[in-house]
Amino acid sequence: MSLDNHTRSRSGEVTGPAPRLARPVPGQGWHAGGMADHIYSISEIVGSSAEGIDDAIKGAVARASKTLHNLDWFEVTGIRGRIEDDELCHFQVTLKVGFRLDERPA
């Protein structure tokens, strides 16, 4: 049995499978069931906040939703912070946002 995808405690003991990140299932979005197949486009955006990572993500998604429609998912691809006077003072989060392309009317 390979333990490559298992987490380990500080003492090195195998503690169980590594957590899996949720991702949309092709043709089903985030939900299992009878959703039609969709084609997605992906945009990369960067949110920033002096409050924290969560606020940076929420701000980025809120702003993207004003320009893009049919937003279905996001993936955090990077996190950075700025330090001033020996204190963390600003957060930047890079996201990929996925949105469904419009269907042409029949």
Foldseek 3Di string as FASTA:
>chain_A
DDCPQFDADPVGHGDGGHDDDQAQDAQGQNDPDDHGGFDKDKDKDKFKDQPDDVVRVVVGVVVVCVPDPQWRDKDWDDKDFDDDPNHTGMIMTIMIIIGTDDDDDD
